[in-house]
Amino acid sequence: MKTLSGRDLARLVERHGWTLLRVKGSHHIYGKPGSLVRLSIPIHGNHPLKAGLLRHLVKIAKIPKTELD
């Protein structure tokens, strides 16, 4: 899995139907209609997200890993 910045991941989840609900500090909170799940994506410029956090967010968002290669 390649590394992504928070900004890049936010664009990816938006393409999969997630919408920005609110921003608190540097964390952008995303939701999907009909789902109780919320994604909190830290956006710190173009700094890459750590591998474990990226894997966790992608799993929760149900984004296929093939889109990250």
N, C-alpha and C. Protein backbone atom coordinates (compact mmCIF):
# COMPACT_ATOMS: atom_id res chain seq x y z
N MET A 1 0.85 -1.18 0.00
CA MET A 1 0.00 0.00 0.00
C MET A 1 0.90 1.24 0.00
N LYS A 2 0.62 2.15 -0.93
CA LYS A 2 1.43 3.35 -0.99
C LYS A 2 0.96 4.34 0.08
N THR A 3 1.81 5.29 0.40
CA THR A 3 1.44 6.28 1.41
C THR A 3 0.61 7.38 0.77
N LEU A 4 -0.30 7.93 1.55
CA LEU A 4 -1.15 9.03 1.12
C LEU A 4 -1.14 10.10 2.19
N SER A 5 -1.30 11.33 1.77
CA SER A 5 -1.47 12.40 2.74
C SER A 5 -2.94 12.42 3.15
N GLY A 6 -3.25 13.11 4.23
CA GLY A 6 -4.63 13.23 4.66
C GLY A 6 -5.49 13.89 3.60
N ARG A 7 -4.92 14.87 2.91
CA ARG A 7 -5.65 15.58 1.86
C ARG A 7 -6.00 14.64 0.70
N ASP A 8 -5.05 13.78 0.33
CA ASP A 8 -5.30 12.81 -0.75
C ASP A 8 -6.35 11.79 -0.34
N LEU A 9 -6.30 11.33 0.90
CA LEU A 9 -7.29 10.37 1.39
C LEU A 9 -8.68 11.02 1.43
N ALA A 10 -8.74 12.29 1.81
CA ALA A 10 -10.02 12.99 1.84
C ALA A 10 -10.64 13.05 0.44
N ARG A 11 -9.83 13.32 -0.56
CA ARG A 11 -10.33 13.34 -1.94
C ARG A 11 -10.84 11.96 -2.35
N LEU A 12 -10.11 10.92 -1.94
CA LEU A 12 -10.49 9.55 -2.29
C LEU A 12 -11.82 9.16 -1.65
N VAL A 13 -12.01 9.47 -0.37
CA VAL A 13 -13.27 9.09 0.28
C VAL A 13 -14.44 9.91 -0.28
N GLU A 14 -14.18 11.15 -0.69
CA GLU A 14 -15.24 11.94 -1.30
C GLU A 14 -15.70 11.33 -2.62
N ARG A 15 -14.77 10.74 -3.37
CA ARG A 15 -15.15 10.06 -4.62
C ARG A 15 -15.98 8.82 -4.35
N HIS A 16 -15.91 8.28 -3.13
CA HIS A 16 -16.68 7.08 -2.77
C HIS A 16 -17.96 7.41 -2.02
N GLY A 17 -18.42 8.66 -2.11
CA GLY A 17 -19.72 9.02 -1.55
C GLY A 17 -19.70 9.60 -0.15
N TRP A 18 -18.55 9.78 0.46
CA TRP A 18 -18.46 10.37 1.79
C TRP A 18 -18.55 11.88 1.66
N THR A 19 -19.19 12.52 2.63
CA THR A 19 -19.31 13.98 2.60
C THR A 19 -18.71 14.58 3.87
N LEU A 20 -18.15 15.75 3.72
CA LEU A 20 -17.55 16.46 4.85
C LEU A 20 -18.66 17.00 5.74
N LEU A 21 -18.66 16.58 7.01
CA LEU A 21 -19.68 17.02 7.96
C LEU A 21 -19.23 18.25 8.73
N ARG A 22 -17.99 18.21 9.20
CA ARG A 22 -17.47 19.34 9.98
C ARG A 22 -15.95 19.25 10.05
N VAL A 23 -15.35 20.34 10.49
CA VAL A 23 -13.90 20.41 10.67
C VAL A 23 -13.65 20.89 12.09
N LYS A 24 -12.81 20.17 12.80
CA LYS A 24 -12.43 20.58 14.15
C LYS A 24 -10.91 20.57 14.21
N GLY A 25 -10.34 21.75 14.16
CA GLY A 25 -8.88 21.84 14.12
C GLY A 25 -8.38 21.32 12.79
N SER A 26 -7.48 20.35 12.84
CA SER A 26 -6.93 19.79 11.61
C SER A 26 -7.61 18.48 11.23
N HIS A 27 -8.66 18.10 11.94
CA HIS A 27 -9.35 16.84 11.66
C HIS A 27 -10.65 17.12 10.90
N HIS A 28 -10.77 16.50 9.75
CA HIS A 28 -11.97 16.61 8.94
C HIS A 28 -12.82 15.38 9.19
N ILE A 29 -14.07 15.59 9.57
CA ILE A 29 -14.97 14.51 9.92
C ILE A 29 -15.89 14.25 8.73
N TYR A 30 -15.89 13.01 8.24
CA TYR A 30 -16.69 12.62 7.09
C TYR A 30 -17.75 11.62 7.50
N GLY A 31 -18.89 11.69 6.82
CA GLY A 31 -19.98 10.76 7.04
C GLY A 31 -20.56 10.34 5.71
N LYS A 32 -21.35 9.28 5.76
CA LYS A 32 -21.99 8.77 4.55
C LYS A 32 -23.48 8.65 4.84
N PRO A 33 -24.33 9.07 3.92
CA PRO A 33 -25.78 8.98 4.15
C PRO A 33 -26.20 7.54 4.46
N GLY A 34 -27.00 7.41 5.51
CA GLY A 34 -27.50 6.09 5.89
C GLY A 34 -26.55 5.26 6.72
N SER A 35 -25.43 5.85 7.14
CA SER A 35 -24.43 5.12 7.92
C SER A 35 -24.12 5.88 9.19
N LEU A 36 -23.91 5.16 10.27
CA LEU A 36 -23.54 5.79 11.53
C LEU A 36 -22.03 5.97 11.66
N VAL A 37 -21.29 5.40 10.74
CA VAL A 37 -19.83 5.45 10.78
C VAL A 37 -19.34 6.85 10.43
N ARG A 38 -18.34 7.32 11.17
CA ARG A 38 -17.71 8.61 10.90
C ARG A 38 -16.22 8.38 10.70
N LEU A 39 -15.64 9.10 9.77
CA LEU A 39 -14.20 9.05 9.53
C LEU A 39 -13.59 10.36 10.00
N SER A 40 -12.56 10.29 10.79
CA SER A 40 -11.83 11.47 11.22
C SER A 40 -10.46 11.43 10.55
N ILE A 41 -10.28 12.28 9.55
CA ILE A 41 -9.05 12.28 8.77
C ILE A 41 -8.21 13.48 9.16
N PRO A 42 -7.02 13.25 9.73
CA PRO A 42 -6.15 14.37 10.07
C PRO A 42 -5.49 14.92 8.81
N ILE A 43 -5.57 16.22 8.63
CA ILE A 43 -4.98 16.85 7.46
C ILE A 43 -3.92 17.83 7.94
N HIS A 44 -2.68 17.45 7.74
CA HIS A 44 -1.54 18.25 8.16
C HIS A 44 -0.69 18.55 6.93
N GLY A 45 -1.20 19.41 6.07
CA GLY A 45 -0.46 19.73 4.85
C GLY A 45 -0.34 18.51 3.97
N ASN A 46 0.84 18.29 3.42
CA ASN A 46 1.07 17.13 2.57
C ASN A 46 1.86 16.04 3.28
N HIS A 47 1.84 16.03 4.60
CA HIS A 47 2.54 14.98 5.36
C HIS A 47 1.78 13.67 5.19
N PRO A 48 2.49 12.58 4.92
CA PRO A 48 1.82 11.29 4.75
C PRO A 48 1.25 10.77 6.07
N LEU A 49 0.13 10.06 5.96
CA LEU A 49 -0.45 9.40 7.13
C LEU A 49 0.38 8.18 7.46
N LYS A 50 0.44 7.83 8.73
CA LYS A 50 1.16 6.62 9.12
C LYS A 50 0.41 5.41 8.58
N ALA A 51 1.15 4.34 8.33
CA ALA A 51 0.62 3.16 7.65
C ALA A 51 -0.57 2.54 8.39
N GLY A 52 -0.49 2.43 9.70
CA GLY A 52 -1.57 1.81 10.47
C GLY A 52 -2.85 2.62 10.43
N LEU A 53 -2.72 3.93 10.54
CA LEU A 53 -3.90 4.80 10.48
C LEU A 53 -4.52 4.76 9.10
N LEU A 54 -3.70 4.80 8.07
CA LEU A 54 -4.21 4.75 6.70
C LEU A 54 -4.95 3.44 6.46
N ARG A 55 -4.37 2.33 6.88
CA ARG A 55 -5.00 1.01 6.72
C ARG A 55 -6.35 0.97 7.44
N HIS A 56 -6.39 1.53 8.64
CA HIS A 56 -7.62 1.54 9.44
C HIS A 56 -8.71 2.37 8.77
N LEU A 57 -8.38 3.57 8.31
CA LEU A 57 -9.37 4.43 7.68
C LEU A 57 -9.89 3.85 6.37
N VAL A 58 -9.01 3.22 5.59
CA VAL A 58 -9.41 2.60 4.33
C VAL A 58 -10.35 1.43 4.61
N LYS A 59 -10.07 0.68 5.66
CA LYS A 59 -10.92 -0.47 6.01
C LYS A 59 -12.31 0.00 6.44
N ILE A 60 -12.36 1.04 7.26
CA ILE A 60 -13.65 1.56 7.73
C ILE A 60 -14.45 2.14 6.56
N ALA A 61 -13.78 2.84 5.64
CA ALA A 61 -14.45 3.46 4.50
C ALA A 61 -14.83 2.45 3.43
N LYS A 62 -14.36 1.21 3.57
CA LYS A 62 -14.64 0.13 2.61
C LYS A 62 -14.17 0.51 1.20
N ILE A 63 -12.94 1.01 1.14
CA ILE A 63 -12.32 1.35 -0.14
C ILE A 63 -11.44 0.17 -0.53
N PRO A 64 -11.58 -0.34 -1.74
CA PRO A 64 -10.75 -1.48 -2.17
C PRO A 64 -9.26 -1.10 -2.17
N LYS A 65 -8.44 -2.02 -1.69
CA LYS A 65 -7.00 -1.76 -1.62
C LYS A 65 -6.38 -1.59 -3.00
N THR A 66 -7.06 -2.08 -4.03
CA THR A 66 -6.53 -1.95 -5.38
C THR A 66 -6.47 -0.50 -5.82
N GLU A 67 -7.29 0.37 -5.22
CA GLU A 67 -7.27 1.77 -5.57
C GLU A 67 -6.09 2.51 -4.96
N LEU A 68 -5.42 1.88 -4.03
CA LEU A 68 -4.29 2.53 -3.37
C LEU A 68 -2.95 2.11 -3.95
N ASP A 69 -2.95 1.15 -4.84
CA ASP A 69 -1.69 0.67 -5.42
C ASP A 69 -1.28 1.49 -6.61
